[in-house]
């Protein structure tokens, strides 16, 4: 019985990881990247998309930063429902991006990050 449980756990882990990889690839190819996000080195943009893809179960719509925030702060906007999005606040700490907060938002407010 212990082997069956271990097998099911391993199979679930592979399936979930595979879904995150698919979300990562789709998001990297299709999400809108604001001008500030496009200025990041490719490796940093990939790190942000990977973090959010593994933390959330839907695709990323956009990555950007507020015009008033410093270069070490970014936001990733992911699908949640037709009328709400999940906003991830990211901060660069010791050379790596980290999710520091997340919560529901509206698509209208989230577009403020797309212009910078």
PDB file of N, CA and C in Angstrom:
ATOM      1  N   UNK A   1       0.831  -1.193   0.000  1.00  0.00           N
ATOM      2  CA  UNK A   1       0.000   0.000   0.000  1.00  0.00           C
ATOM      3  C   UNK A   1       0.875   1.257   0.000  1.00  0.00           C
ATOM      4  N   UNK A   2       2.004   1.172   0.645  1.00  0.00           N
ATOM      5  CA  UNK A   2       2.900   2.316   0.720  1.00  0.00           C
ATOM      6  C   UNK A   2       3.431   2.680  -0.664  1.00  0.00           C
ATOM      7  N   UNK A   3       3.692   1.673  -1.503  1.00  0.00           N
ATOM      8  CA  UNK A   3       4.185   1.919  -2.856  1.00  0.00           C
ATOM      9  C   UNK A   3       3.122   2.624  -3.701  1.00  0.00           C
ATOM     10  N   UNK A   4       1.872   2.234  -3.541  1.00  0.00           N
ATOM     11  CA  UNK A   4       0.792   2.853  -4.300  1.00  0.00           C
ATOM     12  C   UNK A   4       0.690   4.331  -3.926  1.00  0.00           C
ATOM     13  N   UNK A   5       0.768   4.636  -2.643  1.00  0.00           N
ATOM     14  CA  UNK A   5       0.716   6.025  -2.186  1.00  0.00           C
ATOM     15  C   UNK A   5       1.881   6.831  -2.724  1.00  0.00           C
ATOM     16  N   UNK A   6       3.063   6.262  -2.707  1.00  0.00           N
ATOM     17  CA  UNK A   6       4.248   6.938  -3.236  1.00  0.00           C
ATOM     18  C   UNK A   6       4.121   7.169  -4.736  1.00  0.00           C
ATOM     19  N   UNK A   7       3.592   6.171  -5.438  1.00  0.00           N
ATOM     20  CA  UNK A   7       3.398   6.305  -6.882  1.00  0.00           C
ATOM     21  C   UNK A   7       2.406   7.412  -7.193  1.00  0.00           C
ATOM     22  N   UNK A   8       1.287   7.444  -6.471  1.00  0.00           N
ATOM     23  CA  UNK A   8       0.282   8.471  -6.715  1.00  0.00           C
ATOM     24  C   UNK A   8       0.837   9.867  -6.419  1.00  0.00           C
ATOM     25  N   UNK A   9       1.610   9.985  -5.371  1.00  0.00           N
ATOM     26  CA  UNK A   9       2.232  11.267  -5.031  1.00  0.00           C
ATOM     27  C   UNK A   9       3.178  11.699  -6.142  1.00  0.00           C
ATOM     28  N   UNK A  10       4.018  10.798  -6.603  1.00  0.00           N
ATOM     29  CA  UNK A  10       4.980  11.111  -7.666  1.00  0.00           C
ATOM     30  C   UNK A  10       4.259  11.472  -8.961  1.00  0.00           C
ATOM     31  N   UNK A  11       3.212  10.735  -9.294  1.00  0.00           N
ATOM     32  CA  UNK A  11       2.454  11.027 -10.518  1.00  0.00           C
ATOM     33  C   UNK A  11       1.783  12.394 -10.424  1.00  0.00           C
ATOM     34  N   UNK A  12       1.229  12.725  -9.275  1.00  0.00           N
ATOM     35  CA  UNK A  12       0.596  14.032  -9.075  1.00  0.00           C
ATOM     36  C   UNK A  12       1.611  15.157  -9.198  1.00  0.00           C
ATOM     37  N   UNK A  13       2.773  14.960  -8.617  1.00  0.00           N
ATOM     38  CA  UNK A  13       3.829  15.965  -8.665  1.00  0.00           C
ATOM     39  C   UNK A  13       4.281  16.213 -10.106  1.00  0.00           C
ATOM     40  N   UNK A  14       4.440  15.160 -10.873  1.00  0.00           N
ATOM     41  CA  UNK A  14       4.839  15.297 -12.276  1.00  0.00           C
ATOM     42  C   UNK A  14       3.758  16.026 -13.067  1.00  0.00           C
ATOM     43  N   UNK A  15       2.502  15.674 -12.838  1.00  0.00           N
ATOM     44  CA  UNK A  15       1.398  16.310 -13.544  1.00  0.00           C
ATOM     45  C   UNK A  15       1.330  17.796 -13.222  1.00  0.00           C
ATOM     46  N   UNK A  16       1.420  18.158 -11.948  1.00  0.00           N
ATOM     47  CA  UNK A  16       1.360  19.562 -11.555  1.00  0.00           C
ATOM     48  C   UNK A  16       2.551  20.347 -12.086  1.00  0.00           C
ATOM     49  N   UNK A  17       3.720  19.761 -12.047  1.00  0.00           N
ATOM     50  CA  UNK A  17       4.907  20.431 -12.567  1.00  0.00           C
ATOM     51  C   UNK A  17       4.778  20.626 -14.069  1.00  0.00           C
ATOM     52  N   UNK A  18       4.266  19.637 -14.761  1.00  0.00           N
ATOM     53  CA  UNK A  18       4.061  19.748 -16.204  1.00  0.00           C
ATOM     54  C   UNK A  18       3.097  20.865 -16.550  1.00  0.00           C
ATOM     55  N   UNK A  19       2.024  21.023 -15.774  1.00  0.00           N
ATOM     56  CA  UNK A  19       1.070  22.104 -16.008  1.00  0.00           C
ATOM     57  C   UNK A  19       1.733  23.461 -15.792  1.00  0.00           C
ATOM     58  N   UNK A  20       2.542  23.584 -14.750  1.00  0.00           N
ATOM     59  CA  UNK A  20       3.244  24.840 -14.481  1.00  0.00           C
ATOM     60  C   UNK A  20       4.203  25.174 -15.616  1.00  0.00           C
ATOM     61  N   UNK A  21       4.869  24.173 -16.151  1.00  0.00           N
ATOM     62  CA  UNK A  21       5.788  24.393 -17.270  1.00  0.00           C
ATOM     63  C   UNK A  21       5.012  24.857 -18.503  1.00  0.00           C
ATOM     64  N   UNK A  22       3.858  24.259 -18.753  1.00  0.00           N
ATOM     65  CA  UNK A  22       3.020  24.685 -19.884  1.00  0.00           C
ATOM     66  C   UNK A  22       2.548  26.123 -19.696  1.00  0.00           C
ATOM     67  N   UNK A  23       2.102  26.495 -18.479  1.00  0.00           N
ATOM     68  CA  UNK A  23       1.677  27.872 -18.189  1.00  0.00           C
ATOM     69  C   UNK A  23       2.845  28.834 -18.374  1.00  0.00           C
ATOM     70  N   UNK A  24       4.020  28.429 -17.914  1.00  0.00           N
ATOM     71  CA  UNK A  24       5.227  29.253 -18.051  1.00  0.00           C
ATOM     72  C   UNK A  24       5.519  29.525 -19.526  1.00  0.00           C
ATOM     73  N   UNK A  25       5.536  28.489 -20.328  1.00  0.00           N
ATOM     74  CA  UNK A  25       5.838  28.651 -21.755  1.00  0.00           C
ATOM     75  C   UNK A  25       4.801  29.522 -22.453  1.00  0.00           C
ATOM     76  N   UNK A  26       3.519  29.257 -22.173  1.00  0.00           N
ATOM     77  CA  UNK A  26       2.456  30.045 -22.798  1.00  0.00           C
ATOM     78  C   UNK A  26       2.575  31.499 -22.365  1.00  0.00           C
ATOM     79  N   UNK A  27       2.739  31.728 -21.080  1.00  0.00           N
ATOM     80  CA  UNK A  27       2.801  33.093 -20.562  1.00  0.00           C
ATOM     81  C   UNK A  27       3.998  33.853 -21.111  1.00  0.00           C
ATOM     82  N   UNK A  28       5.131  33.200 -21.184  1.00  0.00           N
ATOM     83  CA  UNK A  28       6.333  33.854 -21.714  1.00  0.00           C
ATOM     84  C   UNK A  28       6.131  34.246 -23.182  1.00  0.00           C
ATOM     85  N   UNK A  29       5.420  33.425 -23.929  1.00  0.00           N
ATOM     86  CA  UNK A  29       5.202  33.690 -25.349  1.00  0.00           C
ATOM     87  C   UNK A  29       4.069  34.671 -25.621  1.00  0.00           C
ATOM     88  N   UNK A  30       3.036  34.713 -24.755  1.00  0.00           N
ATOM     89  CA  UNK A  30       1.829  35.464 -25.079  1.00  0.00           C
ATOM     90  C   UNK A  30       1.497  36.623 -24.154  1.00  0.00           C
ATOM     91  N   UNK A  31       2.012  36.666 -22.953  1.00  0.00           N
ATOM     92  CA  UNK A  31       1.664  37.747 -22.022  1.00  0.00           C
ATOM     93  C   UNK A  31       2.232  39.072 -22.514  1.00  0.00           C
ATOM     94  N   UNK A  32       1.518  40.131 -22.218  1.00  0.00           N
ATOM     95  CA  UNK A  32       2.009  41.466 -22.551  1.00  0.00           C
ATOM     96  C   UNK A  32       3.132  41.824 -21.580  1.00  0.00           C
ATOM     97  N   UNK A  33       4.220  42.302 -22.109  1.00  0.00           N
ATOM     98  CA  UNK A  33       5.347  42.751 -21.295  1.00  0.00           C
ATOM     99  C   UNK A  33       5.455  44.266 -21.466  1.00  0.00           C
ATOM    100  N   UNK A  34       5.317  44.996 -20.369  1.00  0.00           N
ATOM    101  CA  UNK A  34       5.373  46.454 -20.439  1.00  0.00           C
ATOM    102  C   UNK A  34       6.765  46.909 -20.868  1.00  0.00           C
ATOM    103  N   UNK A  35       6.909  48.166 -21.256  1.00  0.00           N
ATOM    104  CA  UNK A  35       8.246  48.663 -21.607  1.00  0.00           C
ATOM    105  C   UNK A  35       9.280  48.432 -20.497  1.00  0.00           C
ATOM    106  N   UNK A  36       8.902  48.629 -19.239  1.00  0.00           N
ATOM    107  CA  UNK A  36       9.836  48.380 -18.128  1.00  0.00           C
ATOM    108  C   UNK A  36      10.207  46.914 -18.038  1.00  0.00           C
ATOM    109  N   UNK A  37       9.233  46.040 -18.240  1.00  0.00           N
ATOM    110  CA  UNK A  37       9.522  44.595 -18.181  1.00  0.00           C
ATOM    111  C   UNK A  37      10.446  44.192 -19.318  1.00  0.00           C
ATOM    112  N   UNK A  38      10.258  44.782 -20.495  1.00  0.00           N
ATOM    113  CA  UNK A  38      11.105  44.453 -21.641  1.00  0.00           C
ATOM    114  C   UNK A  38      12.541  44.936 -21.463  1.00  0.00           C
ATOM    115  N   UNK A  39      12.760  45.879 -20.548  1.00  0.00           N
ATOM    116  CA  UNK A  39      14.114  46.363 -20.276  1.00  0.00           C
ATOM    117  C   UNK A  39      14.895  45.402 -19.379  1.00  0.00           C
ATOM    118  N   UNK A  40      14.194  44.501 -18.715  1.00  0.00           N
ATOM    119  CA  UNK A  40      14.872  43.529 -17.855  1.00  0.00           C
ATOM    120  C   UNK A  40      15.684  42.556 -18.704  1.00  0.00           C
ATOM    121  N   UNK A  41      16.775  42.054 -18.138  1.00  0.00           N
ATOM    122  CA  UNK A  41      17.475  40.968 -18.837  1.00  0.00           C
ATOM    123  C   UNK A  41      16.516  39.777 -19.012  1.00  0.00           C
ATOM    124  N   UNK A  42      16.655  39.058 -20.098  1.00  0.00           N
ATOM    125  CA  UNK A  42      15.763  37.924 -20.394  1.00  0.00           C
ATOM    126  C   UNK A  42      15.684  36.940 -19.227  1.00  0.00           C
ATOM    127  N   UNK A  43      16.808  36.675 -18.570  1.00  0.00           N
ATOM    128  CA  UNK A  43      16.835  35.722 -17.451  1.00  0.00           C
ATOM    129  C   UNK A  43      15.948  36.203 -16.295  1.00  0.00           C
ATOM    130  N   UNK A  44      15.912  37.508 -16.037  1.00  0.00           N
ATOM    131  CA  UNK A  44      15.077  38.031 -14.952  1.00  0.00           C
ATOM    132  C   UNK A  44      13.601  37.944 -15.312  1.00  0.00           C
ATOM    133  N   UNK A  45      13.272  38.243 -16.556  1.00  0.00           N
ATOM    134  CA  UNK A  45      11.885  38.128 -16.995  1.00  0.00           C
ATOM    135  C   UNK A  45      11.419  36.674 -16.908  1.00  0.00           C
ATOM    136  N   UNK A  46      12.269  35.764 -17.299  1.00  0.00           N
ATOM    137  CA  UNK A  46      11.948  34.343 -17.195  1.00  0.00           C
ATOM    138  C   UNK A  46      11.772  33.929 -15.732  1.00  0.00           C
ATOM    139  N   UNK A  47      12.583  34.490 -14.844  1.00  0.00           N
ATOM    140  CA  UNK A  47      12.466  34.169 -13.413  1.00  0.00           C
ATOM    141  C   UNK A  47      11.118  34.624 -12.864  1.00  0.00           C
ATOM    142  N   UNK A  48      10.692  35.834 -13.234  1.00  0.00           N
ATOM    143  CA  UNK A  48       9.402  36.360 -12.784  1.00  0.00           C
ATOM    144  C   UNK A  48       8.265  35.475 -13.284  1.00  0.00           C
ATOM    145  N   UNK A  49       8.272  35.161 -14.567  1.00  0.00           N
ATOM    146  CA  UNK A  49       7.210  34.343 -15.163  1.00  0.00           C
ATOM    147  C   UNK A  49       7.201  32.945 -14.542  1.00  0.00           C
ATOM    148  N   UNK A  50       8.353  32.393 -14.282  1.00  0.00           N
ATOM    149  CA  UNK A  50       8.436  31.068 -13.654  1.00  0.00           C
ATOM    150  C   UNK A  50       7.874  31.084 -12.237  1.00  0.00           C
ATOM    151  N   UNK A  51       8.232  32.087 -11.454  1.00  0.00           N
ATOM    152  CA  UNK A  51       7.726  32.188 -10.081  1.00  0.00           C
ATOM    153  C   UNK A  51       6.202  32.221 -10.052  1.00  0.00           C
ATOM    154  N   UNK A  52       5.628  33.081 -10.876  1.00  0.00           N
ATOM    155  CA  UNK A  52       4.168  33.229 -10.870  1.00  0.00           C
ATOM    156  C   UNK A  52       3.493  31.995 -11.469  1.00  0.00           C
ATOM    157  N   UNK A  53       4.079  31.409 -12.491  1.00  0.00           N
ATOM    158  CA  UNK A  53       3.502  30.205 -13.099  1.00  0.00           C
ATOM    159  C   UNK A  53       3.435  29.050 -12.113  1.00  0.00           C
ATOM    160  N   UNK A  54       4.400  28.965 -11.227  1.00  0.00           N
ATOM    161  CA  UNK A  54       4.394  27.898 -10.222  1.00  0.00           C
ATOM    162  C   UNK A  54       3.534  28.245  -9.007  1.00  0.00           C
ATOM    163  N   UNK A  55       3.244  29.529  -8.826  1.00  0.00           N
ATOM    164  CA  UNK A  55       2.450  29.950  -7.665  1.00  0.00           C
ATOM    165  C   UNK A  55       0.956  30.040  -7.964  1.00  0.00           C
ATOM    166  N   UNK A  56       0.579  30.101  -9.245  1.00  0.00           N
ATOM    167  CA  UNK A  56      -0.820  30.313  -9.605  1.00  0.00           C
ATOM    168  C   UNK A  56      -1.233  29.329 -10.687  1.00  0.00           C
ATOM    169  N   UNK A  57      -2.498  28.969 -10.695  1.00  0.00           N
ATOM    170  CA  UNK A  57      -2.974  27.911 -11.582  1.00  0.00           C
ATOM    171  C   UNK A  57      -3.534  28.397 -12.915  1.00  0.00           C
ATOM    172  N   UNK A  58      -3.327  29.660 -13.245  1.00  0.00           N
ATOM    173  CA  UNK A  58      -3.797  30.150 -14.538  1.00  0.00           C
ATOM    174  C   UNK A  58      -2.701  30.979 -15.200  1.00  0.00           C
ATOM    175  N   UNK A  59      -2.927  31.387 -16.428  1.00  0.00           N
ATOM    176  CA  UNK A  59      -1.888  32.053 -17.214  1.00  0.00           C
ATOM    177  C   UNK A  59      -1.681  33.506 -16.803  1.00  0.00           C
ATOM    178  N   UNK A  60      -0.508  34.011 -17.112  1.00  0.00           N
ATOM    179  CA  UNK A  60      -0.163  35.399 -16.851  1.00  0.00           C
ATOM    180  C   UNK A  60      -0.649  36.239 -18.027  1.00  0.00           C
ATOM    181  N   UNK A  61      -1.286  37.355 -17.719  1.00  0.00           N
ATOM    182  CA  UNK A  61      -1.789  38.265 -18.736  1.00  0.00           C
ATOM    183  C   UNK A  61      -0.726  39.310 -19.078  1.00  0.00           C
ATOM    184  N   UNK A  62      -0.057  39.827 -18.042  1.00  0.00           N
ATOM    185  CA  UNK A  62       0.908  40.905 -18.272  1.00  0.00           C
ATOM    186  C   UNK A  62       1.912  40.976 -17.133  1.00  0.00           C
ATOM    187  N   UNK A  63       3.075  41.545 -17.454  1.00  0.00           N
ATOM    188  CA  UNK A  63       4.111  41.826 -16.460  1.00  0.00           C
ATOM    189  C   UNK A  63       4.508  43.280 -16.655  1.00  0.00           C
ATOM    190  N   UNK A  64       4.542  44.032 -15.571  1.00  0.00           N
ATOM    191  CA  UNK A  64       4.909  45.435 -15.670  1.00  0.00           C
ATOM    192  C   UNK A  64       5.187  46.027 -14.309  1.00  0.00           C
ATOM    193  N   UNK A  65       5.530  47.297 -14.322  1.00  0.00           N
ATOM    194  CA  UNK A  65       5.821  47.997 -13.082  1.00  0.00           C
ATOM    195  C   UNK A  65       5.157  49.350 -13.073  1.00  0.00           C
ATOM    196  N   UNK A  66       4.858  49.836 -11.899  1.00  0.00           N
ATOM    197  CA  UNK A  66       4.270  51.154 -11.749  1.00  0.00           C
ATOM    198  C   UNK A  66       5.315  52.207 -12.091  1.00  0.00           C
ATOM    199  N   UNK A  67       4.876  53.285 -12.714  1.00  0.00           N
ATOM    200  CA  UNK A  67       5.811  54.354 -13.089  1.00  0.00           C
ATOM    201  C   UNK A  67       6.461  54.989 -11.869  1.00  0.00           C
ATOM    202  N   UNK A  68       5.787  54.942 -10.730  1.00  0.00           N
ATOM    203  CA  UNK A  68       6.310  55.594  -9.526  1.00  0.00           C
ATOM    204  C   UNK A  68       7.183  54.681  -8.663  1.00  0.00           C
ATOM    205  N   UNK A  69       7.260  53.403  -8.996  1.00  0.00           N
ATOM    206  CA  UNK A  69       8.058  52.461  -8.201  1.00  0.00           C
ATOM    207  C   UNK A  69       9.464  52.327  -8.775  1.00  0.00           C
ATOM    208  N   UNK A  70      10.363  51.860  -7.940  1.00  0.00           N
ATOM    209  CA  UNK A  70      11.736  51.657  -8.362  1.00  0.00           C
ATOM    210  C   UNK A  70      11.884  50.465  -9.293  1.00  0.00           C
ATOM    211  N   UNK A  71      13.077  50.319  -9.875  1.00  0.00           N
ATOM    212  CA  UNK A  71      13.313  49.239 -10.836  1.00  0.00           C
ATOM    213  C   UNK A  71      13.330  47.842 -10.219  1.00  0.00           C
ATOM    214  N   UNK A  72      13.368  47.758  -8.898  1.00  0.00           N
ATOM    215  CA  UNK A  72      13.393  46.456  -8.228  1.00  0.00           C
ATOM    216  C   UNK A  72      12.011  45.982  -7.811  1.00  0.00           C
ATOM    217  N   UNK A  73      10.974  46.591  -8.371  1.00  0.00           N
ATOM    218  CA  UNK A  73       9.609  46.181  -8.080  1.00  0.00           C
ATOM    219  C   UNK A  73       8.857  45.992  -9.382  1.00  0.00           C
ATOM    220  N   UNK A  74       8.160  44.884  -9.493  1.00  0.00           N
ATOM    221  CA  UNK A  74       7.355  44.580 -10.676  1.00  0.00           C
ATOM    222  C   UNK A  74       6.045  43.938 -10.216  1.00  0.00           C
ATOM    223  N   UNK A  75       5.115  43.838 -11.146  1.00  0.00           N
ATOM    224  CA  UNK A  75       3.825  43.196 -10.887  1.00  0.00           C
ATOM    225  C   UNK A  75       3.525  42.242 -12.029  1.00  0.00           C
ATOM    226  N   UNK A  76       2.974  41.107 -11.697  1.00  0.00           N
ATOM    227  CA  UNK A  76       2.498  40.165 -12.705  1.00  0.00           C
ATOM    228  C   UNK A  76       0.999  40.020 -12.508  1.00  0.00           C
ATOM    229  N   UNK A  77       0.264  40.138 -13.590  1.00  0.00           N
ATOM    230  CA  UNK A  77      -1.195  40.049 -13.556  1.00  0.00           C
ATOM    231  C   UNK A  77      -1.585  38.733 -14.213  1.00  0.00           C
ATOM    232  N   UNK A  78      -2.309  37.905 -13.468  1.00  0.00           N
ATOM    233  CA  UNK A  78      -2.710  36.586 -13.964  1.00  0.00           C
ATOM    234  C   UNK A  78      -4.230  36.481 -14.015  1.00  0.00           C
ATOM    235  N   UNK A  79      -4.706  35.616 -14.896  1.00  0.00           N
ATOM    236  CA  UNK A  79      -6.157  35.383 -14.991  1.00  0.00           C
ATOM    237  C   UNK A  79      -6.695  34.822 -13.683  1.00  0.00           C
ATOM    238  N   UNK A  80      -7.888  35.275 -13.327  1.00  0.00           N
ATOM    239  CA  UNK A  80      -8.571  34.745 -12.150  1.00  0.00           C
ATOM    240  C   UNK A  80     -10.010  34.423 -12.548  1.00  0.00           C
ATOM    241  N   UNK A  81     -10.777  35.424 -12.915  1.00  0.00           N
ATOM    242  CA  UNK A  81     -12.117  35.240 -13.478  1.00  0.00           C
ATOM    243  C   UNK A  81     -12.241  36.212 -14.639  1.00  0.00           C
ATOM    244  N   UNK A  82     -13.419  36.262 -15.257  1.00  0.00           N
ATOM    245  CA  UNK A  82     -13.622  37.211 -16.352  1.00  0.00           C
ATOM    246  C   UNK A  82     -13.582  38.658 -15.881  1.00  0.00           C
ATOM    247  N   UNK A  83     -13.833  38.894 -14.598  1.00  0.00           N
ATOM    248  CA  UNK A  83     -13.929  40.259 -14.086  1.00  0.00           C
ATOM    249  C   UNK A  83     -12.877  40.602 -13.044  1.00  0.00           C
ATOM    250  N   UNK A  84     -12.071  39.650 -12.659  1.00  0.00           N
ATOM    251  CA  UNK A  84     -11.030  39.880 -11.666  1.00  0.00           C
ATOM    252  C   UNK A  84      -9.733  39.222 -12.123  1.00  0.00           C
ATOM    253  N   UNK A  85      -8.654  39.770 -11.641  1.00  0.00           N
ATOM    254  CA  UNK A  85      -7.341  39.199 -11.919  1.00  0.00           C
ATOM    255  C   UNK A  85      -6.634  38.962 -10.590  1.00  0.00           C
ATOM    256  N   UNK A  86      -5.592  38.168 -10.633  1.00  0.00           N
ATOM    257  CA  UNK A  86      -4.745  37.969  -9.456  1.00  0.00           C
ATOM    258  C   UNK A  86      -3.466  38.751  -9.727  1.00  0.00           C
ATOM    259  N   UNK A  87      -3.137  39.647  -8.821  1.00  0.00           N
ATOM    260  CA  UNK A  87      -1.963  40.498  -8.981  1.00  0.00           C
ATOM    261  C   UNK A  87      -0.871  40.012  -8.033  1.00  0.00           C
ATOM    262  N   UNK A  88       0.291  39.768  -8.586  1.00  0.00           N
ATOM    263  CA  UNK A  88       1.451  39.351  -7.809  1.00  0.00           C
ATOM    264  C   UNK A  88       2.435  40.514  -7.751  1.00  0.00           C
ATOM    265  N   UNK A  89       2.806  40.917  -6.542  1.00  0.00           N
ATOM    266  CA  UNK A  89       3.812  41.953  -6.348  1.00  0.00           C
ATOM    267  C   UNK A  89       5.150  41.258  -6.168  1.00  0.00           C
ATOM    268  N   UNK A  90       6.116  41.670  -6.962  1.00  0.00           N
ATOM    269  CA  UNK A  90       7.441  41.051  -6.907  1.00  0.00           C
ATOM    270  C   UNK A  90       8.487  42.103  -6.577  1.00  0.00           C
ATOM    271  N   UNK A  91       9.501  41.669  -5.871  1.00  0.00           N
ATOM    272  CA  UNK A  91      10.599  42.553  -5.500  1.00  0.00           C
ATOM    273  C   UNK A  91      11.908  41.801  -5.707  1.00  0.00           C
ATOM    274  N   UNK A  92      12.898  42.516  -6.214  1.00  0.00           N
ATOM    275  CA  UNK A  92      14.210  41.911  -6.418  1.00  0.00           C
ATOM    276  C   UNK A  92      15.002  42.040  -5.116  1.00  0.00           C
ATOM    277  N   UNK A  93      15.362  40.882  -4.556  1.00  0.00           N
ATOM    278  CA  UNK A  93      16.077  40.820  -3.289  1.00  0.00           C
ATOM    279  C   UNK A  93      17.336  39.985  -3.489  1.00  0.00           C
ATOM    280  N   UNK A  94      18.474  40.550  -3.170  1.00  0.00           N
ATOM    281  CA  UNK A  94      19.757  39.844  -3.298  1.00  0.00           C
ATOM    282  C   UNK A  94      19.946  39.236  -4.693  1.00  0.00           C
ATOM    283  N   UNK A  95      19.545  39.986  -5.707  1.00  0.00           N
ATOM    284  CA  UNK A  95      19.767  39.541  -7.077  1.00  0.00           C
ATOM    285  C   UNK A  95      18.723  38.598  -7.648  1.00  0.00           C
ATOM    286  N   UNK A  96      17.684  38.271  -6.866  1.00  0.00           N
ATOM    287  CA  UNK A  96      16.635  37.362  -7.352  1.00  0.00           C
ATOM    288  C   UNK A  96      15.261  37.953  -7.082  1.00  0.00           C
ATOM    289  N   UNK A  97      14.326  37.660  -7.965  1.00  0.00           N
ATOM    290  CA  UNK A  97      12.957  38.128  -7.807  1.00  0.00           C
ATOM    291  C   UNK A  97      12.210  37.220  -6.841  1.00  0.00           C
ATOM    292  N   UNK A  98      11.398  37.840  -5.997  1.00  0.00           N
ATOM    293  CA  UNK A  98      10.592  37.122  -5.008  1.00  0.00           C
ATOM    294  C   UNK A  98       9.166  37.670  -5.032  1.00  0.00           C
ATOM    295  N   UNK A  99       8.196  36.808  -4.856  1.00  0.00           N
ATOM    296  CA  UNK A  99       6.813  37.254  -4.692  1.00  0.00           C
ATOM    297  C   UNK A  99       6.686  37.729  -3.249  1.00  0.00           C
ATOM    298  N   UNK A 100       6.318  39.004  -3.073  1.00  0.00           N
ATOM    299  CA  UNK A 100       6.199  39.547  -1.724  1.00  0.00           C
ATOM    300  C   UNK A 100       4.744  39.699  -1.295  1.00  0.00           C
ATOM    301  N   UNK A 101       3.826  39.678  -2.262  1.00  0.00           N
ATOM    302  CA  UNK A 101       2.410  39.783  -1.929  1.00  0.00           C
ATOM    303  C   UNK A 101       1.601  39.388  -3.159  1.00  0.00           C
ATOM    304  N   UNK A 102       0.354  39.050  -2.953  1.00  0.00           N
ATOM    305  CA  UNK A 102      -0.561  38.802  -4.058  1.00  0.00           C
ATOM    306  C   UNK A 102      -1.981  38.986  -3.569  1.00  0.00           C
ATOM    307  N   UNK A 103      -2.860  39.312  -4.486  1.00  0.00           N
ATOM    308  CA  UNK A 103      -4.256  39.500  -4.133  1.00  0.00           C
ATOM    309  C   UNK A 103      -5.082  39.793  -5.370  1.00  0.00           C
ATOM    310  N   UNK A 104      -6.400  39.784  -5.178  1.00  0.00           N
ATOM    311  CA  UNK A 104      -7.322  40.023  -6.280  1.00  0.00           C
ATOM    312  C   UNK A 104      -7.258  41.488  -6.702  1.00  0.00           C
ATOM    313  N   UNK A 105      -7.451  41.702  -7.981  1.00  0.00           N
ATOM    314  CA  UNK A 105      -7.494  43.052  -8.521  1.00  0.00           C
ATOM    315  C   UNK A 105      -8.485  43.108  -9.658  1.00  0.00           C
ATOM    316  N   UNK A 106      -8.636  44.287 -10.234  1.00  0.00           N
ATOM    317  CA  UNK A 106      -9.516  44.438 -11.386  1.00  0.00           C
ATOM    318  C   UNK A 106      -8.671  44.699 -12.619  1.00  0.00           C
ATOM    319  N   UNK A 107      -9.110  44.228 -13.765  1.00  0.00           N
ATOM    320  CA  UNK A 107      -8.343  44.474 -14.991  1.00  0.00           C
ATOM    321  C   UNK A 107      -8.124  45.952 -15.274  1.00  0.00           C
ATOM    322  N   UNK A 108      -9.108  46.803 -14.912  1.00  0.00           N
ATOM    323  CA  UNK A 108      -8.988  48.231 -15.172  1.00  0.00           C
ATOM    324  C   UNK A 108      -7.832  48.842 -14.399  1.00  0.00           C
ATOM    325  N   UNK A 109      -7.733  48.546 -13.124  1.00  0.00           N
ATOM    326  CA  UNK A 109      -6.659  49.102 -12.305  1.00  0.00           C
ATOM    327  C   UNK A 109      -5.309  48.496 -12.719  1.00  0.00           C
ATOM    328  N   UNK A 110      -5.295  47.251 -13.044  1.00  0.00           N
ATOM    329  CA  UNK A 110      -4.057  46.564 -13.405  1.00  0.00           C
ATOM    330  C   UNK A 110      -3.414  47.139 -14.654  1.00  0.00           C
ATOM    331  N   UNK A 111      -4.200  47.738 -15.551  1.00  0.00           N
ATOM    332  CA  UNK A 111      -3.639  48.292 -16.785  1.00  0.00           C
ATOM    333  C   UNK A 111      -2.739  49.484 -16.511  1.00  0.00           C
ATOM    334  N   UNK A 112      -2.771  50.055 -15.327  1.00  0.00           N
ATOM    335  CA  UNK A 112      -1.890  51.174 -14.987  1.00  0.00           C
ATOM    336  C   UNK A 112      -0.432  50.763 -15.070  1.00  0.00           C
ATOM    337  N   UNK A 113      -0.128  49.476 -14.876  1.00  0.00           N
ATOM    338  CA  UNK A 113       1.264  49.005 -14.909  1.00  0.00           C
ATOM    339  C   UNK A 113       1.733  48.721 -16.328  1.00  0.00           C
ATOM    340  N   UNK A 114       0.816  48.675 -17.270  1.00  0.00           N
ATOM    341  CA  UNK A 114       1.181  48.270 -18.627  1.00  0.00           C
ATOM    342  C   UNK A 114       1.914  49.374 -19.390  1.00  0.00           C
ATOM    343  N   UNK A 115       1.709  50.627 -19.013  1.00  0.00           N
ATOM    344  CA  UNK A 115       2.286  51.728 -19.773  1.00  0.00           C
ATOM    345  C   UNK A 115       3.717  52.050 -19.460  1.00  0.00           C
ATOM    346  N   UNK A 116       4.212  51.613 -18.344  1.00  0.00           N
ATOM    347  CA  UNK A 116       5.583  51.956 -17.934  1.00  0.00           C
ATOM    348  C   UNK A 116       6.562  50.848 -18.215  1.00  0.00           C
TER     349      UNK A 116
END
